Amino acid sequence: EALFQDAHVALPTRLVESSSQVLIRELLL
């Protein structure tokens, strides 16, 4: 959040929340 707020840019809105390493990897791939 700080990455965008510090640049005065609106946060991306199409977010998936997860801490699962497996799910993150599959979504990225």
mmCIF file of all heavy atoms, coordinates in Angstrom:
data_MODEL
# 
_entry.id   MODEL 
# 
loop_
_atom_site.group_PDB 
_atom_site.id 
_atom_site.type_symbol 
_atom_site.label_atom_id 
_atom_site.label_alt_id 
_atom_site.label_comp_id 
_atom_site.label_asym_id 
_atom_site.label_entity_id 
_atom_site.label_seq_id 
_atom_site.pdbx_PDB_ins_code 
_atom_site.Cartn_x 
_atom_site.Cartn_y 
_atom_site.Cartn_z 
_atom_site.occupancy 
_atom_site.B_iso_or_equiv 
_atom_site.pdbx_formal_charge 
_atom_site.auth_seq_id 
_atom_site.auth_comp_id 
_atom_site.auth_asym_id 
_atom_site.auth_atom_id 
_atom_site.pdbx_PDB_model_num 
ATOM 1   N N   . GLU A 1 1  ? 0.822  -1.211  0.000   1.00 0.00 ? 1  GLU A N   1 
ATOM 2   C CA  . GLU A 1 1  ? 0.000  0.000   0.000   1.00 0.00 ? 1  GLU A CA  1 
ATOM 3   C C   . GLU A 1 1  ? 0.852  1.255   0.000   1.00 0.00 ? 1  GLU A C   1 
ATOM 4   O O   . GLU A 1 1  ? 0.534  2.246   -0.675  1.00 0.00 ? 1  GLU A O   1 
ATOM 5   C CB  . GLU A 1 1  ? -0.946 -0.037  1.212   1.00 0.00 ? 1  GLU A CB  1 
ATOM 6   C CG  . GLU A 1 1  ? -1.978 -1.160  1.109   1.00 0.00 ? 1  GLU A CG  1 
ATOM 7   C CD  . GLU A 1 1  ? -2.861 -1.279  2.341   1.00 0.00 ? 1  GLU A CD  1 
ATOM 8   O OE1 . GLU A 1 1  ? -2.590 -0.567  3.335   1.00 0.00 ? 1  GLU A OE1 1 
ATOM 9   O OE2 . GLU A 1 1  ? -3.815 -2.082  2.313   1.00 0.00 ? 1  GLU A OE2 1 
ATOM 10  N N   . ALA A 1 2  ? 1.978  1.223   0.750   1.00 0.00 ? 2  ALA A N   1 
ATOM 11  C CA  . ALA A 1 2  ? 2.861  2.391   0.804   1.00 0.00 ? 2  ALA A CA  1 
ATOM 12  C C   . ALA A 1 2  ? 3.501  2.671   -0.549  1.00 0.00 ? 2  ALA A C   1 
ATOM 13  O O   . ALA A 1 2  ? 3.762  3.834   -0.902  1.00 0.00 ? 2  ALA A O   1 
ATOM 14  C CB  . ALA A 1 2  ? 3.949  2.165   1.855   1.00 0.00 ? 2  ALA A CB  1 
ATOM 15  N N   . LEU A 1 3  ? 3.751  1.617   -1.343  1.00 0.00 ? 3  LEU A N   1 
ATOM 16  C CA  . LEU A 1 3  ? 4.364  1.777   -2.662  1.00 0.00 ? 3  LEU A CA  1 
ATOM 17  C C   . LEU A 1 3  ? 3.538  2.739   -3.523  1.00 0.00 ? 3  LEU A C   1 
ATOM 18  O O   . LEU A 1 3  ? 4.085  3.612   -4.209  1.00 0.00 ? 3  LEU A O   1 
ATOM 19  C CB  . LEU A 1 3  ? 4.465  0.407   -3.331  1.00 0.00 ? 3  LEU A CB  1 
ATOM 20  C CG  . LEU A 1 3  ? 4.936  0.348   -4.785  1.00 0.00 ? 3  LEU A CG  1 
ATOM 21  C CD1 . LEU A 1 3  ? 6.371  0.858   -4.903  1.00 0.00 ? 3  LEU A CD1 1 
ATOM 22  C CD2 . LEU A 1 3  ? 4.839  -1.074  -5.326  1.00 0.00 ? 3  LEU A CD2 1 
ATOM 23  N N   . PHE A 1 4  ? 2.220  2.615   -3.475  1.00 0.00 ? 4  PHE A N   1 
ATOM 24  C CA  . PHE A 1 4  ? 1.341  3.458   -4.288  1.00 0.00 ? 4  PHE A CA  1 
ATOM 25  C C   . PHE A 1 4  ? 1.014  4.777   -3.588  1.00 0.00 ? 4  PHE A C   1 
ATOM 26  O O   . PHE A 1 4  ? 0.974  5.839   -4.220  1.00 0.00 ? 4  PHE A O   1 
ATOM 27  C CB  . PHE A 1 4  ? 0.066  2.690   -4.623  1.00 0.00 ? 4  PHE A CB  1 
ATOM 28  C CG  . PHE A 1 4  ? 0.325  1.466   -5.468  1.00 0.00 ? 4  PHE A CG  1 
ATOM 29  C CD1 . PHE A 1 4  ? 0.501  0.226   -4.883  1.00 0.00 ? 4  PHE A CD1 1 
ATOM 30  C CD2 . PHE A 1 4  ? 0.437  1.571   -6.845  1.00 0.00 ? 4  PHE A CD2 1 
ATOM 31  C CE1 . PHE A 1 4  ? 0.764  -0.895  -5.653  1.00 0.00 ? 4  PHE A CE1 1 
ATOM 32  C CE2 . PHE A 1 4  ? 0.703  0.458   -7.631  1.00 0.00 ? 4  PHE A CE2 1 
ATOM 33  C CZ  . PHE A 1 4  ? 0.876  -0.779  -7.033  1.00 0.00 ? 4  PHE A CZ  1 
ATOM 34  N N   . GLN A 1 5  ? 0.799  4.708   -2.279  1.00 0.00 ? 5  GLN A N   1 
ATOM 35  C CA  . GLN A 1 5  ? 0.454  5.918   -1.545  1.00 0.00 ? 5  GLN A CA  1 
ATOM 36  C C   . GLN A 1 5  ? 1.587  6.936   -1.571  1.00 0.00 ? 5  GLN A C   1 
ATOM 37  O O   . GLN A 1 5  ? 1.345  8.142   -1.729  1.00 0.00 ? 5  GLN A O   1 
ATOM 38  C CB  . GLN A 1 5  ? 0.081  5.558   -0.102  1.00 0.00 ? 5  GLN A CB  1 
ATOM 39  C CG  . GLN A 1 5  ? -1.229 4.786   0.008   1.00 0.00 ? 5  GLN A CG  1 
ATOM 40  C CD  . GLN A 1 5  ? -1.445 4.171   1.368   1.00 0.00 ? 5  GLN A CD  1 
ATOM 41  O OE1 . GLN A 1 5  ? -0.545 4.166   2.223   1.00 0.00 ? 5  GLN A OE1 1 
ATOM 42  N NE2 . GLN A 1 5  ? -2.637 3.610   1.607   1.00 0.00 ? 5  GLN A NE2 1 
ATOM 43  N N   . ASP A 1 6  ? 2.831  6.468   -1.449  1.00 0.00 ? 6  ASP A N   1 
ATOM 44  C CA  . ASP A 1 6  ? 3.978  7.379   -1.459  1.00 0.00 ? 6  ASP A CA  1 
ATOM 45  C C   . ASP A 1 6  ? 4.145  8.063   -2.818  1.00 0.00 ? 6  ASP A C   1 
ATOM 46  O O   . ASP A 1 6  ? 4.709  9.150   -2.911  1.00 0.00 ? 6  ASP A O   1 
ATOM 47  C CB  . ASP A 1 6  ? 5.270  6.627   -1.094  1.00 0.00 ? 6  ASP A CB  1 
ATOM 48  C CG  . ASP A 1 6  ? 5.285  6.166   0.355   1.00 0.00 ? 6  ASP A CG  1 
ATOM 49  O OD1 . ASP A 1 6  ? 4.409  6.616   1.120   1.00 0.00 ? 6  ASP A OD1 1 
ATOM 50  O OD2 . ASP A 1 6  ? 6.155  5.344   0.713   1.00 0.00 ? 6  ASP A OD2 1 
ATOM 51  N N   . ALA A 1 7  ? 3.672  7.382   -3.866  1.00 0.00 ? 7  ALA A N   1 
ATOM 52  C CA  . ALA A 1 7  ? 3.761  7.962   -5.215  1.00 0.00 ? 7  ALA A CA  1 
ATOM 53  C C   . ALA A 1 7  ? 2.482  8.730   -5.578  1.00 0.00 ? 7  ALA A C   1 
ATOM 54  O O   . ALA A 1 7  ? 2.356  9.224   -6.708  1.00 0.00 ? 7  ALA A O   1 
ATOM 55  C CB  . ALA A 1 7  ? 3.994  6.854   -6.241  1.00 0.00 ? 7  ALA A CB  1 
ATOM 56  N N   . HIS A 1 8  ? 1.555  8.829   -4.584  1.00 0.00 ? 8  HIS A N   1 
ATOM 57  C CA  . HIS A 1 8  ? 0.280  9.525   -4.792  1.00 0.00 ? 8  HIS A CA  1 
ATOM 58  C C   . HIS A 1 8  ? -0.495 8.936   -5.974  1.00 0.00 ? 8  HIS A C   1 
ATOM 59  O O   . HIS A 1 8  ? -1.070 9.656   -6.790  1.00 0.00 ? 8  HIS A O   1 
ATOM 60  C CB  . HIS A 1 8  ? 0.510  11.025  -4.998  1.00 0.00 ? 8  HIS A CB  1 
ATOM 61  C CG  . HIS A 1 8  ? 1.286  11.661  -3.891  1.00 0.00 ? 8  HIS A CG  1 
ATOM 62  N ND1 . HIS A 1 8  ? 0.770  11.852  -2.627  1.00 0.00 ? 8  HIS A ND1 1 
ATOM 63  C CD2 . HIS A 1 8  ? 2.575  12.122  -3.855  1.00 0.00 ? 8  HIS A CD2 1 
ATOM 64  C CE1 . HIS A 1 8  ? 1.691  12.422  -1.849  1.00 0.00 ? 8  HIS A CE1 1 
ATOM 65  N NE2 . HIS A 1 8  ? 2.800  12.585  -2.570  1.00 0.00 ? 8  HIS A NE2 1 
ATOM 66  N N   . VAL A 1 9  ? -0.472 7.591   -6.029  1.00 0.00 ? 9  VAL A N   1 
ATOM 67  C CA  . VAL A 1 9  ? -1.168 6.864   -7.089  1.00 0.00 ? 9  VAL A CA  1 
ATOM 68  C C   . VAL A 1 9  ? -2.221 5.967   -6.422  1.00 0.00 ? 9  VAL A C   1 
ATOM 69  O O   . VAL A 1 9  ? -1.963 5.358   -5.376  1.00 0.00 ? 9  VAL A O   1 
ATOM 70  C CB  . VAL A 1 9  ? -0.182 6.004   -7.907  1.00 0.00 ? 9  VAL A CB  1 
ATOM 71  C CG1 . VAL A 1 9  ? -0.927 5.098   -8.880  1.00 0.00 ? 9  VAL A CG1 1 
ATOM 72  C CG2 . VAL A 1 9  ? 0.813  6.890   -8.639  1.00 0.00 ? 9  VAL A CG2 1 
ATOM 73  N N   . ALA A 1 10 ? -3.394 5.897   -7.025  1.00 0.00 ? 10 ALA A N   1 
ATOM 74  C CA  . ALA A 1 10 ? -4.462 5.070   -6.459  1.00 0.00 ? 10 ALA A CA  1 
ATOM 75  C C   . ALA A 1 10 ? -4.057 3.605   -6.434  1.00 0.00 ? 10 ALA A C   1 
ATOM 76  O O   . ALA A 1 10 ? -3.406 3.099   -7.358  1.00 0.00 ? 10 ALA A O   1 
ATOM 77  C CB  . ALA A 1 10 ? -5.745 5.239   -7.278  1.00 0.00 ? 10 ALA A CB  1 
ATOM 78  N N   . LEU A 1 11 ? -4.464 2.906   -5.382  1.00 0.00 ? 11 LEU A N   1 
ATOM 79  C CA  . LEU A 1 11 ? -4.138 1.488   -5.242  1.00 0.00 ? 11 LEU A CA  1 
ATOM 80  C C   . LEU A 1 11 ? -4.819 0.662   -6.329  1.00 0.00 ? 11 LEU A C   1 
ATOM 81  O O   . LEU A 1 11 ? -5.953 0.978   -6.720  1.00 0.00 ? 11 LEU A O   1 
ATOM 82  C CB  . LEU A 1 11 ? -4.593 0.966   -3.878  1.00 0.00 ? 11 LEU A CB  1 
ATOM 83  C CG  . LEU A 1 11 ? -3.846 1.439   -2.631  1.00 0.00 ? 11 LEU A CG  1 
ATOM 84  C CD1 . LEU A 1 11 ? -4.593 0.971   -1.392  1.00 0.00 ? 11 LEU A CD1 1 
ATOM 85  C CD2 . LEU A 1 11 ? -2.436 0.886   -2.627  1.00 0.00 ? 11 LEU A CD2 1 
ATOM 86  N N   . PRO A 1 12 ? -4.170 -0.379  -6.823  1.00 0.00 ? 12 PRO A N   1 
ATOM 87  C CA  . PRO A 1 12 ? -4.846 -1.308  -7.740  1.00 0.00 ? 12 PRO A CA  1 
ATOM 88  C C   . PRO A 1 12 ? -6.090 -1.882  -7.046  1.00 0.00 ? 12 PRO A C   1 
ATOM 89  O O   . PRO A 1 12 ? -6.108 -2.061  -5.821  1.00 0.00 ? 12 PRO A O   1 
ATOM 90  C CB  . PRO A 1 12 ? -3.797 -2.397  -7.995  1.00 0.00 ? 12 PRO A CB  1 
ATOM 91  C CG  . PRO A 1 12 ? -2.494 -1.740  -7.694  1.00 0.00 ? 12 PRO A CG  1 
ATOM 92  C CD  . PRO A 1 12 ? -2.770 -0.759  -6.593  1.00 0.00 ? 12 PRO A CD  1 
ATOM 93  N N   . THR A 1 13 ? -7.112 -2.174  -7.804  1.00 0.00 ? 13 THR A N   1 
ATOM 94  C CA  . THR A 1 13 ? -8.369 -2.644  -7.212  1.00 0.00 ? 13 THR A CA  1 
ATOM 95  C C   . THR A 1 13 ? -8.647 -4.117  -7.448  1.00 0.00 ? 13 THR A C   1 
ATOM 96  O O   . THR A 1 13 ? -9.438 -4.718  -6.741  1.00 0.00 ? 13 THR A O   1 
ATOM 97  C CB  . THR A 1 13 ? -9.547 -1.824  -7.775  1.00 0.00 ? 13 THR A CB  1 
ATOM 98  O OG1 . THR A 1 13 ? -9.534 -1.922  -9.210  1.00 0.00 ? 13 THR A OG1 1 
ATOM 99  C CG2 . THR A 1 13 ? -9.446 -0.365  -7.355  1.00 0.00 ? 13 THR A CG2 1 
ATOM 100 N N   . ARG A 1 14 ? -8.027 -4.743  -8.450  1.00 0.00 ? 14 ARG A N   1 
ATOM 101 C CA  . ARG A 1 14 ? -8.313 -6.144  -8.765  1.00 0.00 ? 14 ARG A CA  1 
ATOM 102 C C   . ARG A 1 14 ? -7.370 -7.042  -7.951  1.00 0.00 ? 14 ARG A C   1 
ATOM 103 O O   . ARG A 1 14 ? -6.380 -7.551  -8.455  1.00 0.00 ? 14 ARG A O   1 
ATOM 104 C CB  . ARG A 1 14 ? -8.147 -6.382  -10.262 1.00 0.00 ? 14 ARG A CB  1 
ATOM 105 C CG  . ARG A 1 14 ? -9.199 -5.659  -11.111 1.00 0.00 ? 14 ARG A CG  1 
ATOM 106 C CD  . ARG A 1 14 ? -8.817 -5.699  -12.578 1.00 0.00 ? 14 ARG A CD  1 
ATOM 107 N NE  . ARG A 1 14 ? -7.616 -4.928  -12.846 1.00 0.00 ? 14 ARG A NE  1 
ATOM 108 C CZ  . ARG A 1 14 ? -6.862 -5.083  -13.933 1.00 0.00 ? 14 ARG A CZ  1 
ATOM 109 N NH1 . ARG A 1 14 ? -7.163 -6.019  -14.824 1.00 0.00 ? 14 ARG A NH1 1 
ATOM 110 N NH2 . ARG A 1 14 ? -5.792 -4.324  -14.115 1.00 0.00 ? 14 ARG A NH2 1 
ATOM 111 N N   . LEU A 1 15 ? -7.710 -7.180  -6.677  1.00 0.00 ? 15 LEU A N   1 
ATOM 112 C CA  . LEU A 1 15 ? -6.806 -7.871  -5.755  1.00 0.00 ? 15 LEU A CA  1 
ATOM 113 C C   . LEU A 1 15 ? -7.345 -9.238  -5.354  1.00 0.00 ? 15 LEU A C   1 
ATOM 114 O O   . LEU A 1 15 ? -8.550 -9.408  -5.147  1.00 0.00 ? 15 LEU A O   1 
ATOM 115 C CB  . LEU A 1 15 ? -6.604 -7.033  -4.483  1.00 0.00 ? 15 LEU A CB  1 
ATOM 116 C CG  . LEU A 1 15 ? -6.092 -5.606  -4.656  1.00 0.00 ? 15 LEU A CG  1 
ATOM 117 C CD1 . LEU A 1 15 ? -5.958 -4.951  -3.281  1.00 0.00 ? 15 LEU A CD1 1 
ATOM 118 C CD2 . LEU A 1 15 ? -4.764 -5.579  -5.404  1.00 0.00 ? 15 LEU A CD2 1 
ATOM 119 N N   . VAL A 1 16 ? -6.437 -10.185 -5.236  1.00 0.00 ? 16 VAL A N   1 
ATOM 120 C CA  . VAL A 1 16 ? -6.720 -11.462 -4.573  1.00 0.00 ? 16 VAL A CA  1 
ATOM 121 C C   . VAL A 1 16 ? -5.872 -11.488 -3.320  1.00 0.00 ? 16 VAL A C   1 
ATOM 122 O O   . VAL A 1 16 ? -4.658 -11.273 -3.384  1.00 0.00 ? 16 VAL A O   1 
ATOM 123 C CB  . VAL A 1 16 ? -6.365 -12.665 -5.474  1.00 0.00 ? 16 VAL A CB  1 
ATOM 124 C CG1 . VAL A 1 16 ? -6.460 -13.968 -4.677  1.00 0.00 ? 16 VAL A CG1 1 
ATOM 125 C CG2 . VAL A 1 16 ? -7.288 -12.717 -6.684  1.00 0.00 ? 16 VAL A CG2 1 
ATOM 126 N N   . GLU A 1 17 ? -6.488 -11.720 -2.167  1.00 0.00 ? 17 GLU A N   1 
ATOM 127 C CA  . GLU A 1 17 ? -5.752 -11.790 -0.902  1.00 0.00 ? 17 GLU A CA  1 
ATOM 128 C C   . GLU A 1 17 ? -5.440 -13.233 -0.576  1.00 0.00 ? 17 GLU A C   1 
ATOM 129 O O   . GLU A 1 17 ? -6.343 -14.067 -0.498  1.00 0.00 ? 17 GLU A O   1 
ATOM 130 C CB  . GLU A 1 17 ? -6.574 -11.194 0.241   1.00 0.00 ? 17 GLU A CB  1 
ATOM 131 C CG  . GLU A 1 17 ? -6.561 -9.691  0.295   1.00 0.00 ? 17 GLU A CG  1 
ATOM 132 C CD  . GLU A 1 17 ? -7.150 -9.165  1.602   1.00 0.00 ? 17 GLU A CD  1 
ATOM 133 O OE1 . GLU A 1 17 ? -7.341 -9.986  2.533   1.00 0.00 ? 17 GLU A OE1 1 
ATOM 134 O OE2 . GLU A 1 17 ? -7.424 -7.965  1.690   1.00 0.00 ? 17 GLU A OE2 1 
ATOM 135 N N   . SER A 1 18 ? -4.170 -13.542 -0.363  1.00 0.00 ? 18 SER A N   1 
ATOM 136 C CA  . SER A 1 18 ? -3.787 -14.898 0.027   1.00 0.00 ? 18 SER A CA  1 
ATOM 137 C C   . SER A 1 18 ? -2.351 -14.904 0.529   1.00 0.00 ? 18 SER A C   1 
ATOM 138 O O   . SER A 1 18 ? -1.505 -14.148 0.044   1.00 0.00 ? 18 SER A O   1 
ATOM 139 C CB  . SER A 1 18 ? -3.906 -15.861 -1.159  1.00 0.00 ? 18 SER A CB  1 
ATOM 140 O OG  . SER A 1 18 ? -3.467 -17.158 -0.779  1.00 0.00 ? 18 SER A OG  1 
ATOM 141 N N   . SER A 1 19 ? -2.096 -15.764 1.496   1.00 0.00 ? 19 SER A N   1 
ATOM 142 C CA  . SER A 1 19 ? -0.733 -15.982 1.966   1.00 0.00 ? 19 SER A CA  1 
ATOM 143 C C   . SER A 1 19 ? -0.225 -17.356 1.534   1.00 0.00 ? 19 SER A C   1 
ATOM 144 O O   . SER A 1 19 ? 0.870  -17.769 1.919   1.00 0.00 ? 19 SER A O   1 
ATOM 145 C CB  . SER A 1 19 ? -0.676 -15.878 3.494   1.00 0.00 ? 19 SER A CB  1 
ATOM 146 O OG  . SER A 1 19 ? -1.510 -16.859 4.081   1.00 0.00 ? 19 SER A OG  1 
ATOM 147 N N   . SER A 1 20 ? -1.024 -18.055 0.733   1.00 0.00 ? 20 SER A N   1 
ATOM 148 C CA  . SER A 1 20 ? -0.652 -19.397 0.282   1.00 0.00 ? 20 SER A CA  1 
ATOM 149 C C   . SER A 1 20 ? 0.380  -19.316 -0.834  1.00 0.00 ? 20 SER A C   1 
ATOM 150 O O   . SER A 1 20 ? 0.104  -18.779 -1.911  1.00 0.00 ? 20 SER A O   1 
ATOM 151 C CB  . SER A 1 20 ? -1.884 -20.152 -0.216  1.00 0.00 ? 20 SER A CB  1 
ATOM 152 O OG  . SER A 1 20 ? -1.500 -21.312 -0.929  1.00 0.00 ? 20 SER A OG  1 
ATOM 153 N N   . GLN A 1 21 ? 1.556  -19.850 -0.569  1.00 0.00 ? 21 GLN A N   1 
ATOM 154 C CA  . GLN A 1 21 ? 2.630  -19.839 -1.558  1.00 0.00 ? 21 GLN A CA  1 
ATOM 155 C C   . GLN A 1 21 ? 2.211  -20.572 -2.836  1.00 0.00 ? 21 GLN A C   1 
ATOM 156 O O   . GLN A 1 21 ? 2.500  -20.133 -3.945  1.00 0.00 ? 21 GLN A O   1 
ATOM 157 C CB  . GLN A 1 21 ? 3.867  -20.517 -0.960  1.00 0.00 ? 21 GLN A CB  1 
ATOM 158 C CG  . GLN A 1 21 ? 5.128  -20.373 -1.782  1.00 0.00 ? 21 GLN A CG  1 
ATOM 159 C CD  . GLN A 1 21 ? 5.900  -19.118 -1.421  1.00 0.00 ? 21 GLN A CD  1 
ATOM 160 O OE1 . GLN A 1 21 ? 5.645  -18.502 -0.400  1.00 0.00 ? 21 GLN A OE1 1 
ATOM 161 N NE2 . GLN A 1 21 ? 6.832  -18.742 -2.264  1.00 0.00 ? 21 GLN A NE2 1 
ATOM 162 N N   . VAL A 1 22 ? 1.506  -21.679 -2.672  1.00 0.00 ? 22 VAL A N   1 
ATOM 163 C CA  . VAL A 1 22 ? 1.085  -22.475 -3.827  1.00 0.00 ? 22 VAL A CA  1 
ATOM 164 C C   . VAL A 1 22 ? 0.082  -21.705 -4.678  1.00 0.00 ? 22 VAL A C   1 
ATOM 165 O O   . VAL A 1 22 ? 0.198  -21.635 -5.906  1.00 0.00 ? 22 VAL A O   1 
ATOM 166 C CB  . VAL A 1 22 ? 0.470  -23.816 -3.370  1.00 0.00 ? 22 VAL A CB  1 
ATOM 167 C CG1 . VAL A 1 22 ? -0.097 -24.579 -4.553  1.00 0.00 ? 22 VAL A CG1 1 
ATOM 168 C CG2 . VAL A 1 22 ? 1.519  -24.659 -2.643  1.00 0.00 ? 22 VAL A CG2 1 
ATOM 169 N N   . LEU A 1 23 ? -0.913 -21.088 -4.033  1.00 0.00 ? 23 LEU A N   1 
ATOM 170 C CA  . LEU A 1 23 ? -1.923 -20.336 -4.777  1.00 0.00 ? 23 LEU A CA  1 
ATOM 171 C C   . LEU A 1 23 ? -1.315 -19.133 -5.479  1.00 0.00 ? 23 LEU A C   1 
ATOM 172 O O   . LEU A 1 23 ? -1.621 -18.855 -6.647  1.00 0.00 ? 23 LEU A O   1 
ATOM 173 C CB  . LEU A 1 23 ? -3.046 -19.893 -3.836  1.00 0.00 ? 23 LEU A CB  1 
ATOM 174 C CG  . LEU A 1 23 ? -4.172 -19.072 -4.490  1.00 0.00 ? 23 LEU A CG  1 
ATOM 175 C CD1 . LEU A 1 23 ? -4.852 -19.879 -5.579  1.00 0.00 ? 23 LEU A CD1 1 
ATOM 176 C CD2 . LEU A 1 23 ? -5.172 -18.602 -3.438  1.00 0.00 ? 23 LEU A CD2 1 
ATOM 177 N N   . ILE A 1 24 ? -0.432 -18.414 -4.783  1.00 0.00 ? 24 ILE A N   1 
ATOM 178 C CA  . ILE A 1 24 ? 0.217  -17.245 -5.384  1.00 0.00 ? 24 ILE A CA  1 
ATOM 179 C C   . ILE A 1 24 ? 0.972  -17.662 -6.643  1.00 0.00 ? 24 ILE A C   1 
ATOM 180 O O   . ILE A 1 24 ? 0.857  -17.031 -7.699  1.00 0.00 ? 24 ILE A O   1 
ATOM 181 C CB  . ILE A 1 24 ? 1.165  -16.571 -4.372  1.00 0.00 ? 24 ILE A CB  1 
ATOM 182 C CG1 . ILE A 1 24 ? 0.360  -15.936 -3.231  1.00 0.00 ? 24 ILE A CG1 1 
ATOM 183 C CG2 . ILE A 1 24 ? 2.035  -15.511 -5.061  1.00 0.00 ? 24 ILE A CG2 1 
ATOM 184 C CD1 . ILE A 1 24 ? 1.217  -15.436 -2.087  1.00 0.00 ? 24 ILE A CD1 1 
ATOM 185 N N   . ARG A 1 25 ? 1.747  -18.727 -6.532  1.00 0.00 ? 25 ARG A N   1 
ATOM 186 C CA  . ARG A 1 25 ? 2.534  -19.180 -7.681  1.00 0.00 ? 25 ARG A CA  1 
ATOM 187 C C   . ARG A 1 25 ? 1.635  -19.525 -8.865  1.00 0.00 ? 25 ARG A C   1 
ATOM 188 O O   . ARG A 1 25 ? 1.912  -19.128 -10.006 1.00 0.00 ? 25 ARG A O   1 
ATOM 189 C CB  . ARG A 1 25 ? 3.372  -20.397 -7.289  1.00 0.00 ? 25 ARG A CB  1 
ATOM 190 C CG  . ARG A 1 25 ? 4.274  -20.900 -8.412  1.00 0.00 ? 25 ARG A CG  1 
ATOM 191 C CD  . ARG A 1 25 ? 4.953  -22.199 -8.013  1.00 0.00 ? 25 ARG A CD  1 
ATOM 192 N NE  . ARG A 1 25 ? 3.968  -23.260 -7.818  1.00 0.00 ? 25 ARG A NE  1 
ATOM 193 C CZ  . ARG A 1 25 ? 4.245  -24.445 -7.267  1.00 0.00 ? 25 ARG A CZ  1 
ATOM 194 N NH1 . ARG A 1 25 ? 5.470  -24.695 -6.830  1.00 0.00 ? 25 ARG A NH1 1 
ATOM 195 N NH2 . ARG A 1 25 ? 3.305  -25.360 -7.142  1.00 0.00 ? 25 ARG A NH2 1 
ATOM 196 N N   . GLU A 1 26 ? 0.559  -20.263 -8.609  1.00 0.00 ? 26 GLU A N   1 
ATOM 197 C CA  . GLU A 1 26 ? -0.320 -20.683 -9.700  1.00 0.00 ? 26 GLU A CA  1 
ATOM 198 C C   . GLU A 1 26 ? -1.024 -19.501 -10.353 1.00 0.00 ? 26 GLU A C   1 
ATOM 199 O O   . GLU A 1 26 ? -1.189 -19.456 -11.580 1.00 0.00 ? 26 GLU A O   1 
ATOM 200 C CB  . GLU A 1 26 ? -1.346 -21.707 -9.185  1.00 0.00 ? 26 GLU A CB  1 
ATOM 201 C CG  . GLU A 1 26 ? -0.734 -23.026 -8.758  1.00 0.00 ? 26 GLU A CG  1 
ATOM 202 C CD  . GLU A 1 26 ? 0.111  -23.663 -9.840  1.00 0.00 ? 26 GLU A CD  1 
ATOM 203 O OE1 . GLU A 1 26 ? -0.364 -23.766 -10.989 1.00 0.00 ? 26 GLU A OE1 1 
ATOM 204 O OE2 . GLU A 1 26 ? 1.260  -24.048 -9.546  1.00 0.00 ? 26 GLU A OE2 1 
ATOM 205 N N   . LEU A 1 27 ? -1.439 -18.529 -9.555  1.00 0.00 ? 27 LEU A N   1 
ATOM 206 C CA  . LEU A 1 27 ? -2.083 -17.339 -10.114 1.00 0.00 ? 27 LEU A CA  1 
ATOM 207 C C   . LEU A 1 27 ? -1.119 -16.538 -10.985 1.00 0.00 ? 27 LEU A C   1 
ATOM 208 O O   . LEU A 1 27 ? -1.505 -16.021 -12.044 1.00 0.00 ? 27 LEU A O   1 
ATOM 209 C CB  . LEU A 1 27 ? -2.636 -16.458 -8.992  1.00 0.00 ? 27 LEU A CB  1 
ATOM 210 C CG  . LEU A 1 27 ? -3.867 -16.999 -8.246  1.00 0.00 ? 27 LEU A CG  1 
ATOM 211 C CD1 . LEU A 1 27 ? -4.198 -16.118 -7.050  1.00 0.00 ? 27 LEU A CD1 1 
ATOM 212 C CD2 . LEU A 1 27 ? -5.067 -17.086 -9.181  1.00 0.00 ? 27 LEU A CD2 1 
ATOM 213 N N   . LEU A 1 28 ? 0.139  -16.459 -10.545 1.00 0.00 ? 28 LEU A N   1 
ATOM 214 C CA  . LEU A 1 28 ? 1.135  -15.727 -11.334 1.00 0.00 ? 28 LEU A CA  1 
ATOM 215 C C   . LEU A 1 28 ? 1.449  -16.456 -12.634 1.00 0.00 ? 28 LEU A C   1 
ATOM 216 O O   . LEU A 1 28 ? 1.583  -15.841 -13.701 1.00 0.00 ? 28 LEU A O   1 
ATOM 217 C CB  . LEU A 1 28 ? 2.423  -15.536 -10.524 1.00 0.00 ? 28 LEU A CB  1 
ATOM 218 C CG  . LEU A 1 28 ? 2.338  -14.686 -9.257  1.00 0.00 ? 28 LEU A CG  1 
ATOM 219 C CD1 . LEU A 1 28 ? 3.728  -14.516 -8.651  1.00 0.00 ? 28 LEU A CD1 1 
ATOM 220 C CD2 . LEU A 1 28 ? 1.706  -13.329 -9.512  1.00 0.00 ? 28 LEU A CD2 1 
ATOM 221 N N   . LEU A 1 29 ? 1.578  -17.775 -12.552 1.00 0.00 ? 29 LEU A N   1 
ATOM 222 C CA  . LEU A 1 29 ? 1.941  -18.556 -13.748 1.00 0.00 ? 29 LEU A CA  1 
ATOM 223 C C   . LEU A 1 29 ? 0.861  -18.524 -14.823 1.00 0.00 ? 29 LEU A C   1 
ATOM 224 O O   . LEU A 1 29 ? 1.163  -18.579 -16.018 1.00 0.00 ? 29 LEU A O   1 
ATOM 225 C CB  . LEU A 1 29 ? 2.223  -20.012 -13.355 1.00 0.00 ? 29 LEU A CB  1 
ATOM 226 C CG  . LEU A 1 29 ? 3.486  -20.278 -12.535 1.00 0.00 ? 29 LEU A CG  1 
ATOM 227 C CD1 . LEU A 1 29 ? 3.553  -21.740 -12.123 1.00 0.00 ? 29 LEU A CD1 1 
ATOM 228 C CD2 . LEU A 1 29 ? 4.731  -19.901 -13.322 1.00 0.00 ? 29 LEU A CD2 1 
# 
